[in-house]
Amino acid sequence: MARSELAYAVRRVPRGRRLKVRIDAQHGVEVLLPKGAPLRAASSAVAELRPWIERELAARDALRARLREPGVLPFLDERLALVPEDGRVRVHRRGSALLVPAGEDAAAALERWYRRAARAEIARRLDAASAASGTAYTSLTIRNQRTRWASCAGSAMSFNWRLLLAPSRVLDYVVWHEVCHLEVSDHSPRFWRLLESRLPGWREPARWLRENGAALVL
């Protein structure tokens, strides 16, 4: 029996020097093509790396299955049941339930809801951590970064909304990590000492995120 085609997306990277194939947590298989590389190079790379790709996809699906219950989404330390409703266009929380649009519009509406919730949850934690450390940030942006959970550029903060799919202690760790960057911009020993003084026990949520981050998708 012929093997089915493996779905993948191609993204041009103008400054890229070589072709890369990666498993994106939210977008699946992605081929990064340098400027000028022929499109056929993407299909050749996917075919060559297919055994590795299939192992990675299976591991990701197994991880998601272990962390999730059918019809339920995590929201920090809570679990919210999805309740589809015909005619609904926006997600609304009612107690421990999320009322969502029925059909294909649910995923986009859910992401919009999580983004709004992320701004409120992260801003509250960021304000408290900044005040406790005697530092200040200038702006907060909620994004859907492909490879980062958060960043601190100068004093501008950016966080990935998918952190709300992780336990609260993980979000707290990422917030403190970025707040410490307001004082120490690099990851030198001084930075890690500062983080340890501000958030003892940070290693456990950091490990959790490293091991389970690929499953933090809708």
N, C-alpha and C. Protein backbone atom coordinates (compact mmCIF):
# COMPACT_ATOMS: atom_id res chain seq x y z
N MET A 1 0.85 -1.20 0.00
CA MET A 1 0.00 0.00 0.00
C MET A 1 0.89 1.24 0.00
N ALA A 2 0.55 2.22 -0.84
CA ALA A 2 1.34 3.44 -0.92
C ALA A 2 1.20 4.25 0.35
N ARG A 3 2.30 4.86 0.77
CA ARG A 3 2.27 5.69 1.96
C ARG A 3 1.59 7.02 1.64
N SER A 4 0.83 7.54 2.59
CA SER A 4 0.15 8.81 2.39
C SER A 4 1.15 9.96 2.35
N GLU A 5 0.74 11.03 1.70
CA GLU A 5 1.60 12.21 1.64
C GLU A 5 1.70 12.84 3.03
N LEU A 6 2.88 13.35 3.34
CA LEU A 6 3.11 13.99 4.63
C LEU A 6 2.91 15.49 4.45
N ALA A 7 1.96 16.04 5.17
CA ALA A 7 1.67 17.47 5.03
C ALA A 7 2.78 18.31 5.67
N TYR A 8 3.13 19.39 5.01
CA TYR A 8 4.14 20.29 5.56
C TYR A 8 3.94 21.68 4.96
N ALA A 9 4.48 22.68 5.64
CA ALA A 9 4.43 24.05 5.16
C ALA A 9 5.84 24.51 4.84
N VAL A 10 5.95 25.42 3.89
CA VAL A 10 7.25 25.96 3.49
C VAL A 10 7.29 27.45 3.84
N ARG A 11 8.37 27.86 4.47
CA ARG A 11 8.54 29.28 4.82
C ARG A 11 9.90 29.74 4.34
N ARG A 12 9.91 30.79 3.56
CA ARG A 12 11.16 31.36 3.07
C ARG A 12 11.84 32.17 4.18
N VAL A 13 13.13 31.96 4.33
CA VAL A 13 13.92 32.69 5.32
C VAL A 13 15.01 33.43 4.54
N PRO A 14 14.80 34.71 4.24
CA PRO A 14 15.74 35.44 3.38
C PRO A 14 17.19 35.40 3.87
N ARG A 15 17.39 35.40 5.17
CA ARG A 15 18.76 35.41 5.69
C ARG A 15 19.25 34.01 6.07
N GLY A 16 18.43 33.02 5.82
CA GLY A 16 18.85 31.66 6.15
C GLY A 16 19.98 31.19 5.25
N ARG A 17 20.85 30.38 5.82
CA ARG A 17 22.00 29.88 5.07
C ARG A 17 21.81 28.44 4.60
N ARG A 18 20.93 27.71 5.29
CA ARG A 18 20.72 26.33 4.87
C ARG A 18 19.29 25.91 5.15
N LEU A 19 18.85 24.91 4.46
CA LEU A 19 17.49 24.39 4.64
C LEU A 19 17.35 23.72 6.00
N LYS A 20 16.22 23.95 6.65
CA LYS A 20 15.95 23.31 7.94
C LYS A 20 14.54 22.73 7.93
N VAL A 21 14.38 21.60 8.57
CA VAL A 21 13.06 21.00 8.77
C VAL A 21 12.83 20.92 10.27
N ARG A 22 11.69 21.42 10.71
CA ARG A 22 11.40 21.37 12.14
C ARG A 22 9.92 21.05 12.36
N ILE A 23 9.64 20.63 13.58
CA ILE A 23 8.26 20.34 13.98
C ILE A 23 7.79 21.51 14.83
N ASP A 24 6.93 22.34 14.26
CA ASP A 24 6.41 23.48 14.98
C ASP A 24 5.24 23.03 15.85
N ALA A 25 5.22 23.46 17.10
CA ALA A 25 4.19 23.00 18.05
C ALA A 25 2.79 23.24 17.53
N GLN A 26 2.57 24.36 16.89
CA GLN A 26 1.23 24.71 16.47
C GLN A 26 0.97 24.47 14.98
N HIS A 27 2.02 24.51 14.17
CA HIS A 27 1.82 24.45 12.73
C HIS A 27 2.30 23.14 12.10
N GLY A 28 2.76 22.22 12.88
CA GLY A 28 3.18 20.93 12.35
C GLY A 28 4.54 20.98 11.69
N VAL A 29 4.69 20.24 10.59
CA VAL A 29 5.98 20.15 9.90
C VAL A 29 6.20 21.43 9.10
N GLU A 30 7.36 22.02 9.28
CA GLU A 30 7.67 23.28 8.60
C GLU A 30 9.08 23.19 8.01
N VAL A 31 9.20 23.56 6.74
CA VAL A 31 10.49 23.58 6.07
C VAL A 31 10.91 25.04 5.90
N LEU A 32 12.08 25.38 6.42
CA LEU A 32 12.62 26.74 6.28
C LEU A 32 13.59 26.75 5.11
N LEU A 33 13.23 27.49 4.07
CA LEU A 33 14.03 27.51 2.85
C LEU A 33 14.81 28.82 2.74
N PRO A 34 16.12 28.74 2.53
CA PRO A 34 16.90 29.97 2.30
C PRO A 34 16.47 30.62 0.99
N LYS A 35 16.76 31.90 0.86
CA LYS A 35 16.46 32.62 -0.38
C LYS A 35 17.20 31.96 -1.53
N GLY A 36 16.50 31.70 -2.60
CA GLY A 36 17.11 31.13 -3.79
C GLY A 36 17.09 29.62 -3.85
N ALA A 37 16.78 28.95 -2.74
CA ALA A 37 16.71 27.49 -2.77
C ALA A 37 15.47 27.05 -3.54
N PRO A 38 15.58 26.04 -4.41
CA PRO A 38 14.42 25.59 -5.18
C PRO A 38 13.38 24.95 -4.28
N LEU A 39 12.12 25.11 -4.67
CA LEU A 39 11.03 24.56 -3.87
C LEU A 39 11.11 23.04 -3.78
N ARG A 40 11.63 22.40 -4.81
CA ARG A 40 11.72 20.94 -4.78
C ARG A 40 12.65 20.44 -3.68
N ALA A 41 13.54 21.33 -3.18
CA ALA A 41 14.44 20.94 -2.10
C ALA A 41 13.65 20.63 -0.83
N ALA A 42 12.51 21.31 -0.66
CA ALA A 42 11.69 21.07 0.52
C ALA A 42 11.10 19.66 0.50
N SER A 43 10.54 19.26 -0.63
CA SER A 43 9.94 17.92 -0.71
C SER A 43 11.00 16.84 -0.58
N SER A 44 12.18 17.09 -1.11
CA SER A 44 13.26 16.11 -1.00
C SER A 44 13.69 15.94 0.46
N ALA A 45 13.79 17.06 1.18
CA ALA A 45 14.21 17.01 2.58
C ALA A 45 13.17 16.30 3.43
N VAL A 46 11.89 16.57 3.17
CA VAL A 46 10.82 15.92 3.93
C VAL A 46 10.83 14.41 3.68
N ALA A 47 11.03 14.02 2.43
CA ALA A 47 11.08 12.59 2.11
C ALA A 47 12.26 11.91 2.80
N GLU A 48 13.40 12.57 2.80
CA GLU A 48 14.59 11.98 3.42
C GLU A 48 14.45 11.87 4.93
N LEU A 49 13.80 12.87 5.54
CA LEU A 49 13.69 12.90 7.00
C LEU A 49 12.38 12.32 7.51
N ARG A 50 11.62 11.70 6.64
CA ARG A 50 10.29 11.22 7.02
C ARG A 50 10.29 10.32 8.26
N PRO A 51 11.18 9.35 8.41
CA PRO A 51 11.16 8.53 9.64
C PRO A 51 11.30 9.37 10.91
N TRP A 52 12.22 10.33 10.89
CA TRP A 52 12.40 11.21 12.05
C TRP A 52 11.16 12.06 12.28
N ILE A 53 10.60 12.62 11.21
CA ILE A 53 9.40 13.46 11.33
C ILE A 53 8.25 12.67 11.94
N GLU A 54 8.05 11.45 11.46
CA GLU A 54 6.94 10.64 11.99
C GLU A 54 7.14 10.30 13.46
N ARG A 55 8.37 10.04 13.87
CA ARG A 55 8.64 9.78 15.29
C ARG A 55 8.34 11.01 16.14
N GLU A 56 8.74 12.18 15.64
CA GLU A 56 8.52 13.42 16.39
C GLU A 56 7.02 13.74 16.49
N LEU A 57 6.30 13.55 15.42
CA LEU A 57 4.86 13.82 15.44
C LEU A 57 4.14 12.86 16.38
N ALA A 58 4.55 11.60 16.38
CA ALA A 58 3.93 10.62 17.28
C ALA A 58 4.21 10.97 18.73
N ALA A 59 5.44 11.40 19.01
CA ALA A 59 5.79 11.77 20.39
C ALA A 59 5.00 12.99 20.84
N ARG A 60 4.81 13.96 19.93
CA ARG A 60 4.03 15.14 20.27
C ARG A 60 2.58 14.78 20.56
N ASP A 61 1.99 13.93 19.72
CA ASP A 61 0.60 13.53 19.91
C ASP A 61 0.43 12.75 21.22
N ALA A 62 1.40 11.91 21.54
CA ALA A 62 1.33 11.15 22.79
C ALA A 62 1.41 12.08 23.99
N LEU A 63 2.25 13.09 23.89
CA LEU A 63 2.38 14.06 24.97
C LEU A 63 1.08 14.82 25.17
N ARG A 64 0.47 15.26 24.09
CA ARG A 64 -0.79 15.98 24.19
C ARG A 64 -1.87 15.10 24.79
N ALA A 65 -1.92 13.85 24.39
CA ALA A 65 -2.93 12.92 24.91
C ALA A 65 -2.75 12.70 26.42
N ARG A 66 -1.50 12.69 26.86
CA ARG A 66 -1.23 12.48 28.29
C ARG A 66 -1.66 13.68 29.12
N LEU A 67 -1.55 14.87 28.56
CA LEU A 67 -1.84 16.08 29.31
C LEU A 67 -3.28 16.56 29.17
N ARG A 68 -4.02 16.00 28.22
CA ARG A 68 -5.35 16.50 27.92
C ARG A 68 -6.45 15.49 28.15
N GLU A 69 -7.64 16.02 28.41
CA GLU A 69 -8.86 15.22 28.43
C GLU A 69 -9.69 15.65 27.22
N PRO A 70 -10.38 14.74 26.56
CA PRO A 70 -11.22 15.12 25.42
C PRO A 70 -12.28 16.14 25.82
N GLY A 71 -12.41 17.18 25.01
CA GLY A 71 -13.44 18.19 25.28
C GLY A 71 -13.10 19.14 26.40
N VAL A 72 -11.86 19.17 26.82
CA VAL A 72 -11.45 20.03 27.94
C VAL A 72 -10.16 20.75 27.56
N LEU A 73 -10.04 22.01 27.96
CA LEU A 73 -8.80 22.76 27.75
C LEU A 73 -8.25 23.23 29.08
N PRO A 74 -6.93 23.20 29.25
CA PRO A 74 -6.35 23.75 30.48
C PRO A 74 -6.34 25.27 30.44
N PHE A 75 -6.51 25.85 31.60
CA PHE A 75 -6.38 27.30 31.77
C PHE A 75 -5.63 27.51 33.08
N LEU A 76 -4.30 27.61 33.00
CA LEU A 76 -3.46 27.64 34.18
C LEU A 76 -3.74 26.39 35.02
N ASP A 77 -4.18 26.54 36.26
CA ASP A 77 -4.40 25.36 37.10
C ASP A 77 -5.83 24.83 37.01
N GLU A 78 -6.63 25.38 36.12
CA GLU A 78 -8.02 24.97 35.96
C GLU A 78 -8.19 24.12 34.71
N ARG A 79 -9.32 23.43 34.63
CA ARG A 79 -9.71 22.69 33.45
C ARG A 79 -11.10 23.16 33.05
N LEU A 80 -11.22 23.64 31.80
CA LEU A 80 -12.47 24.22 31.33
C LEU A 80 -13.09 23.33 30.26
N ALA A 81 -14.34 22.96 30.47
CA ALA A 81 -15.04 22.10 29.52
C ALA A 81 -15.54 22.92 28.33
N LEU A 82 -15.34 22.41 27.12
CA LEU A 82 -15.78 23.10 25.91
C LEU A 82 -17.25 22.76 25.63
N VAL A 83 -18.06 23.80 25.45
CA VAL A 83 -19.49 23.62 25.18
C VAL A 83 -19.81 24.33 23.86
N PRO A 84 -19.87 23.60 22.73
CA PRO A 84 -20.17 24.23 21.44
C PRO A 84 -21.62 24.71 21.39
N GLU A 85 -21.82 25.89 20.79
CA GLU A 85 -23.17 26.45 20.64
C GLU A 85 -23.34 26.98 19.22
N ASP A 86 -24.38 26.57 18.55
CA ASP A 86 -24.68 27.07 17.21
C ASP A 86 -24.97 28.57 17.26
N GLY A 87 -24.44 29.30 16.29
CA GLY A 87 -24.70 30.73 16.22
C GLY A 87 -23.76 31.59 17.03
N ARG A 88 -22.96 30.99 17.88
CA ARG A 88 -22.03 31.78 18.70
C ARG A 88 -20.80 32.15 17.89
N VAL A 89 -20.30 33.38 18.07
CA VAL A 89 -19.10 33.81 17.34
C VAL A 89 -17.94 34.13 18.29
N ARG A 90 -18.24 34.38 19.54
CA ARG A 90 -17.20 34.69 20.53
C ARG A 90 -17.22 33.66 21.64
N VAL A 91 -16.05 33.40 22.20
CA VAL A 91 -15.97 32.48 23.33
C VAL A 91 -16.35 33.23 24.60
N HIS A 92 -17.10 32.55 25.45
CA HIS A 92 -17.50 33.15 26.73
C HIS A 92 -17.31 32.12 27.83
N ARG A 93 -16.70 32.54 28.92
CA ARG A 93 -16.54 31.62 30.04
C ARG A 93 -17.73 31.73 30.99
N ARG A 94 -18.24 30.57 31.39
CA ARG A 94 -19.31 30.51 32.39
C ARG A 94 -18.90 29.47 33.42
N GLY A 95 -18.35 29.93 34.52
CA GLY A 95 -17.86 29.02 35.55
C GLY A 95 -16.70 28.20 35.03
N SER A 96 -16.85 26.89 35.06
CA SER A 96 -15.80 26.00 34.58
C SER A 96 -16.05 25.54 33.14
N ALA A 97 -16.90 26.27 32.42
CA ALA A 97 -17.21 25.93 31.03
C ALA A 97 -16.81 27.07 30.11
N LEU A 98 -16.39 26.70 28.89
CA LEU A 98 -16.13 27.68 27.84
C LEU A 98 -17.17 27.47 26.75
N LEU A 99 -18.03 28.46 26.55
CA LEU A 99 -19.02 28.40 25.48
C LEU A 99 -18.33 28.83 24.19
N VAL A 100 -18.30 27.95 23.21
CA VAL A 100 -17.51 28.20 21.99
C VAL A 100 -18.39 28.04 20.76
N PRO A 101 -17.99 28.68 19.64
CA PRO A 101 -18.73 28.48 18.40
C PRO A 101 -18.68 27.01 17.97
N ALA A 102 -19.77 26.56 17.41
CA ALA A 102 -19.78 25.20 16.87
C ALA A 102 -19.12 25.20 15.50
N GLY A 103 -18.40 24.14 15.19
CA GLY A 103 -17.81 24.02 13.86
C GLY A 103 -16.38 24.51 13.78
N GLU A 104 -15.98 24.88 12.55
CA GLU A 104 -14.58 25.18 12.27
C GLU A 104 -14.12 26.51 12.86
N ASP A 105 -15.03 27.37 13.27
CA ASP A 105 -14.64 28.68 13.80
C ASP A 105 -14.15 28.62 15.24
N ALA A 106 -14.27 27.47 15.88
CA ALA A 106 -13.96 27.38 17.30
C ALA A 106 -12.50 27.69 17.61
N ALA A 107 -11.57 27.15 16.83
CA ALA A 107 -10.15 27.31 17.14
C ALA A 107 -9.72 28.77 17.11
N ALA A 108 -10.13 29.50 16.07
CA ALA A 108 -9.76 30.92 15.97
C ALA A 108 -10.39 31.72 17.10
N ALA A 109 -11.64 31.43 17.43
CA ALA A 109 -12.31 32.15 18.52
C ALA A 109 -11.66 31.83 19.86
N LEU A 110 -11.25 30.58 20.06
CA LEU A 110 -10.58 30.20 21.29
C LEU A 110 -9.24 30.93 21.44
N GLU A 111 -8.49 31.02 20.34
CA GLU A 111 -7.21 31.73 20.42
C GLU A 111 -7.42 33.19 20.79
N ARG A 112 -8.43 33.81 20.20
CA ARG A 112 -8.71 35.22 20.55
C ARG A 112 -9.05 35.34 22.02
N TRP A 113 -9.83 34.41 22.55
CA TRP A 113 -10.20 34.46 23.97
C TRP A 113 -8.97 34.28 24.86
N TYR A 114 -8.12 33.31 24.52
CA TYR A 114 -6.91 33.08 25.31
C TYR A 114 -5.98 34.28 25.24
N ARG A 115 -5.90 34.93 24.10
CA ARG A 115 -5.05 36.12 23.99
C ARG A 115 -5.53 37.22 24.93
N ARG A 116 -6.84 37.44 24.97
CA ARG A 116 -7.38 38.46 25.87
C ARG A 116 -7.11 38.09 27.32
N ALA A 117 -7.34 36.83 27.65
CA ALA A 117 -7.11 36.38 29.02
C ALA A 117 -5.63 36.47 29.38
N ALA A 118 -4.76 36.19 28.41
CA ALA A 118 -3.32 36.24 28.66
C ALA A 118 -2.88 37.64 29.03
N ARG A 119 -3.40 38.64 28.35
CA ARG A 119 -3.01 40.01 28.68
C ARG A 119 -3.34 40.33 30.14
N ALA A 120 -4.53 39.95 30.57
CA ALA A 120 -4.92 40.26 31.95
C ALA A 120 -4.09 39.47 32.96
N GLU A 121 -3.93 38.17 32.73
CA GLU A 121 -3.19 37.32 33.67
C GLU A 121 -1.71 37.71 33.73
N ILE A 122 -1.11 37.96 32.58
CA ILE A 122 0.31 38.26 32.55
C ILE A 122 0.58 39.66 33.08
N ALA A 123 -0.25 40.63 32.73
CA ALA A 123 -0.05 42.00 33.22
C ALA A 123 -0.09 42.04 34.74
N ARG A 124 -1.01 41.31 35.34
CA ARG A 124 -1.11 41.30 36.80
C ARG A 124 0.16 40.75 37.43
N ARG A 125 0.66 39.64 36.90
CA ARG A 125 1.87 39.04 37.43
C ARG A 125 3.11 39.91 37.15
N LEU A 126 3.13 40.49 35.97
CA LEU A 126 4.27 41.31 35.57
C LEU A 126 4.34 42.57 36.43
N ASP A 127 3.22 43.18 36.69
CA ASP A 127 3.19 44.37 37.55
C ASP A 127 3.69 44.04 38.95
N ALA A 128 3.24 42.91 39.49
CA ALA A 128 3.64 42.53 40.85
C ALA A 128 5.13 42.21 40.91
N ALA A 129 5.64 41.46 39.94
CA ALA A 129 7.06 41.10 39.95
C ALA A 129 7.94 42.32 39.74
N SER A 130 7.54 43.22 38.86
CA SER A 130 8.32 44.43 38.62
C SER A 130 8.36 45.30 39.87
N ALA A 131 7.22 45.43 40.52
CA ALA A 131 7.18 46.25 41.74
C ALA A 131 8.04 45.63 42.83
N ALA A 132 7.99 44.30 42.96
CA ALA A 132 8.78 43.62 43.99
C ALA A 132 10.27 43.76 43.75
N SER A 133 10.68 43.84 42.49
CA SER A 133 12.10 43.92 42.17
C SER A 133 12.58 45.35 41.99
N GLY A 134 11.66 46.32 42.05
CA GLY A 134 12.05 47.71 41.89
C GLY A 134 12.44 48.07 40.47
N THR A 135 11.86 47.38 39.49
CA THR A 135 12.14 47.65 38.08
C THR A 135 10.85 48.07 37.39
N ALA A 136 10.98 48.46 36.13
CA ALA A 136 9.79 48.89 35.38
C ALA A 136 9.93 48.46 33.94
N TYR A 137 8.80 48.11 33.34
CA TYR A 137 8.76 47.79 31.91
C TYR A 137 7.90 48.83 31.22
N THR A 138 8.08 48.97 29.92
CA THR A 138 7.39 50.03 29.20
C THR A 138 6.17 49.55 28.43
N SER A 139 6.16 48.29 28.01
CA SER A 139 5.03 47.80 27.22
C SER A 139 4.91 46.29 27.36
N LEU A 140 3.71 45.80 27.09
CA LEU A 140 3.43 44.37 27.12
C LEU A 140 2.71 44.00 25.83
N THR A 141 3.27 43.02 25.11
CA THR A 141 2.66 42.53 23.89
C THR A 141 2.38 41.03 24.03
N ILE A 142 1.20 40.62 23.61
CA ILE A 142 0.84 39.21 23.62
C ILE A 142 0.95 38.69 22.19
N ARG A 143 1.76 37.64 22.00
CA ARG A 143 2.02 37.13 20.67
C ARG A 143 1.85 35.61 20.63
N ASN A 144 2.18 35.06 19.47
CA ASN A 144 2.18 33.62 19.29
C ASN A 144 3.52 33.24 18.67
N GLN A 145 4.60 33.49 19.41
CA GLN A 145 5.94 33.24 18.90
C GLN A 145 6.12 31.77 18.56
N ARG A 146 6.90 31.50 17.52
CA ARG A 146 7.14 30.13 17.10
C ARG A 146 8.16 29.43 17.98
N THR A 147 9.18 30.17 18.40
CA THR A 147 10.30 29.52 19.10
C THR A 147 10.56 30.06 20.50
N ARG A 148 9.84 31.07 20.93
CA ARG A 148 10.07 31.65 22.25
C ARG A 148 8.77 31.68 23.05
N TRP A 149 8.94 31.63 24.35
CA TRP A 149 7.81 31.79 25.25
C TRP A 149 7.65 33.23 25.69
N ALA A 150 8.75 33.97 25.68
CA ALA A 150 8.69 35.38 26.08
C ALA A 150 10.01 36.03 25.69
N SER A 151 10.01 37.36 25.72
CA SER A 151 11.25 38.09 25.47
C SER A 151 11.19 39.44 26.15
N CYS A 152 12.37 39.97 26.43
CA CYS A 152 12.51 41.29 27.02
C CYS A 152 13.50 42.06 26.15
N ALA A 153 13.00 43.01 25.39
CA ALA A 153 13.85 43.83 24.52
C ALA A 153 13.93 45.22 25.11
N GLY A 154 15.05 45.51 25.77
CA GLY A 154 15.13 46.75 26.52
C GLY A 154 14.22 46.65 27.72
N SER A 155 13.12 47.37 27.69
CA SER A 155 12.12 47.24 28.75
C SER A 155 10.75 46.89 28.17
N ALA A 156 10.73 46.46 26.90
CA ALA A 156 9.48 46.03 26.26
C ALA A 156 9.32 44.53 26.42
N MET A 157 8.18 44.11 26.95
CA MET A 157 7.93 42.71 27.24
C MET A 157 7.00 42.08 26.19
N SER A 158 7.29 40.85 25.83
CA SER A 158 6.44 40.11 24.91
C SER A 158 6.29 38.68 25.45
N PHE A 159 5.04 38.21 25.50
CA PHE A 159 4.76 36.87 26.02
C PHE A 159 3.87 36.09 25.06
N ASN A 160 4.06 34.79 25.06
CA ASN A 160 3.28 33.89 24.23
C ASN A 160 1.98 33.53 24.97
N TRP A 161 0.85 33.72 24.29
CA TRP A 161 -0.43 33.45 24.94
C TRP A 161 -0.59 31.99 25.34
N ARG A 162 0.14 31.09 24.67
CA ARG A 162 -0.01 29.67 24.97
C ARG A 162 0.50 29.29 26.35
N LEU A 163 1.17 30.22 27.02
CA LEU A 163 1.57 29.96 28.41
C LEU A 163 0.37 29.74 29.32
N LEU A 164 -0.81 30.23 28.91
CA LEU A 164 -2.00 30.02 29.74
C LEU A 164 -2.48 28.57 29.67
N LEU A 165 -1.91 27.77 28.77
CA LEU A 165 -2.23 26.35 28.72
C LEU A 165 -1.35 25.55 29.68
N ALA A 166 -0.41 26.23 30.34
CA ALA A 166 0.50 25.59 31.28
C ALA A 166 0.05 25.87 32.71
N PRO A 167 0.58 25.13 33.69
CA PRO A 167 0.25 25.42 35.09
C PRO A 167 0.71 26.82 35.50
N SER A 168 0.07 27.38 36.53
CA SER A 168 0.37 28.73 36.99
C SER A 168 1.85 28.91 37.33
N ARG A 169 2.45 27.89 37.95
CA ARG A 169 3.84 28.03 38.36
C ARG A 169 4.77 28.21 37.17
N VAL A 170 4.37 27.68 36.01
CA VAL A 170 5.17 27.84 34.80
C VAL A 170 5.08 29.28 34.30
N LEU A 171 3.88 29.84 34.28
CA LEU A 171 3.72 31.23 33.88
C LEU A 171 4.47 32.14 34.85
N ASP A 172 4.38 31.88 36.15
CA ASP A 172 5.11 32.69 37.13
C ASP A 172 6.61 32.65 36.87
N TYR A 173 7.12 31.46 36.54
CA TYR A 173 8.55 31.34 36.24
C TYR A 173 8.93 32.18 35.03
N VAL A 174 8.16 32.11 33.95
CA VAL A 174 8.50 32.86 32.75
C VAL A 174 8.43 34.37 33.01
N VAL A 175 7.44 34.81 33.77
CA VAL A 175 7.35 36.23 34.12
C VAL A 175 8.58 36.67 34.89
N TRP A 176 8.97 35.91 35.91
CA TRP A 176 10.14 36.29 36.70
C TRP A 176 11.41 36.22 35.87
N HIS A 177 11.49 35.28 34.99
CA HIS A 177 12.65 35.18 34.09
C HIS A 177 12.83 36.48 33.31
N GLU A 178 11.74 36.97 32.74
CA GLU A 178 11.84 38.19 31.94
C GLU A 178 12.05 39.42 32.81
N VAL A 179 11.46 39.46 33.98
CA VAL A 179 11.67 40.60 34.88
C VAL A 179 13.14 40.68 35.30
N CYS A 180 13.75 39.54 35.52
CA CYS A 180 15.17 39.55 35.86
C CYS A 180 16.02 40.07 34.70
N HIS A 181 15.53 39.91 33.49
CA HIS A 181 16.26 40.46 32.35
C HIS A 181 16.22 41.99 32.32
N LEU A 182 15.33 42.59 33.06
CA LEU A 182 15.35 44.05 33.16
C LEU A 182 16.60 44.53 33.89
N GLU A 183 17.18 43.65 34.70
CA GLU A 183 18.41 43.99 35.43
C GLU A 183 19.65 43.38 34.80
N VAL A 184 19.52 42.17 34.27
CA VAL A 184 20.64 41.48 33.64
C VAL A 184 20.16 40.96 32.29
N SER A 185 20.68 41.51 31.22
CA SER A 185 20.14 41.23 29.90
C SER A 185 20.54 39.86 29.35
N ASP A 186 21.64 39.28 29.85
CA ASP A 186 22.12 38.01 29.31
C ASP A 186 21.79 36.85 30.25
N HIS A 187 22.30 35.67 29.92
CA HIS A 187 22.11 34.50 30.76
C HIS A 187 23.42 34.11 31.44
N SER A 188 24.09 35.09 31.96
CA SER A 188 25.34 34.87 32.68
C SER A 188 25.05 34.28 34.05
N PRO A 189 26.08 33.79 34.76
CA PRO A 189 25.87 33.29 36.13
C PRO A 189 25.18 34.32 37.02
N ARG A 190 25.46 35.60 36.79
CA ARG A 190 24.80 36.65 37.58
C ARG A 190 23.29 36.62 37.38
N PHE A 191 22.85 36.38 36.14
CA PHE A 191 21.41 36.31 35.88
C PHE A 191 20.78 35.17 36.65
N TRP A 192 21.37 33.98 36.60
CA TRP A 192 20.78 32.82 37.25
C TRP A 192 20.80 32.96 38.77
N ARG A 193 21.80 33.63 39.30
CA ARG A 193 21.81 33.91 40.75
C ARG A 193 20.67 34.85 41.11
N LEU A 194 20.44 35.85 40.26
CA LEU A 194 19.36 36.79 40.51
C LEU A 194 18.01 36.08 40.46
N LEU A 195 17.81 35.25 39.46
CA LEU A 195 16.55 34.51 39.35
C LEU A 195 16.34 33.60 40.55
N GLU A 196 17.40 32.95 41.01
CA GLU A 196 17.30 32.08 42.19
C GLU A 196 16.90 32.87 43.42
N SER A 197 17.40 34.09 43.55
CA SER A 197 17.06 34.91 44.71
C SER A 197 15.62 35.41 44.65
N ARG A 198 15.10 35.60 43.44
CA ARG A 198 13.74 36.12 43.28
C ARG A 198 12.69 35.01 43.25
N LEU A 199 13.07 33.86 42.70
CA LEU A 199 12.12 32.75 42.58
C LEU A 199 12.82 31.43 42.89
N PRO A 200 13.07 31.15 44.15
CA PRO A 200 13.66 29.85 44.50
C PRO A 200 12.77 28.71 43.98
N GLY A 201 13.37 27.68 43.46
CA GLY A 201 12.58 26.58 42.93
C GLY A 201 12.19 26.75 41.48
N TRP A 202 12.80 27.72 40.78
CA TRP A 202 12.43 27.99 39.38
C TRP A 202 12.78 26.82 38.46
N ARG A 203 13.70 25.96 38.87
CA ARG A 203 14.15 24.90 37.98
C ARG A 203 13.03 23.90 37.64
N GLU A 204 12.14 23.64 38.59
CA GLU A 204 11.08 22.66 38.33
C GLU A 204 10.12 23.15 37.25
N PRO A 205 9.57 24.38 37.34
CA PRO A 205 8.69 24.82 36.24
C PRO A 205 9.44 25.01 34.93
N ALA A 206 10.73 25.38 34.99
CA ALA A 206 11.51 25.49 33.76
C ALA A 206 11.64 24.12 33.09
N ARG A 207 11.85 23.09 33.90
CA ARG A 207 11.95 21.73 33.36
C ARG A 207 10.60 21.30 32.78
N TRP A 208 9.52 21.61 33.47
CA TRP A 208 8.19 21.24 32.98
C TRP A 208 7.94 21.86 31.61
N LEU A 209 8.29 23.11 31.46
CA LEU A 209 8.06 23.79 30.19
C LEU A 209 8.92 23.20 29.08
N ARG A 210 10.14 22.89 29.41
CA ARG A 210 11.05 22.29 28.43
C ARG A 210 10.54 20.94 27.95
N GLU A 211 9.98 20.16 28.88
CA GLU A 211 9.54 18.80 28.55
C GLU A 211 8.15 18.75 27.93
N ASN A 212 7.30 19.73 28.26
CA ASN A 212 5.90 19.67 27.85
C ASN A 212 5.44 20.80 26.93
N GLY A 213 6.35 21.72 26.63
CA GLY A 213 5.95 22.88 25.84
C GLY A 213 5.35 22.54 24.49
N ALA A 214 5.79 21.45 23.87
CA ALA A 214 5.26 21.08 22.56
C ALA A 214 3.78 20.74 22.60
N ALA A 215 3.25 20.43 23.78
CA ALA A 215 1.84 20.06 23.90
C ALA A 215 0.94 21.25 24.17
N LEU A 216 1.51 22.44 24.32
CA LEU A 216 0.72 23.61 24.67
C LEU A 216 0.14 24.25 23.41
N VAL A 217 -0.80 23.56 22.82
CA VAL A 217 -1.51 24.05 21.64
C VAL A 217 -2.99 23.71 21.81
N LEU A 218 -3.82 24.45 21.09
CA LEU A 218 -5.26 24.19 21.16
C LEU A 218 -5.60 22.90 20.42
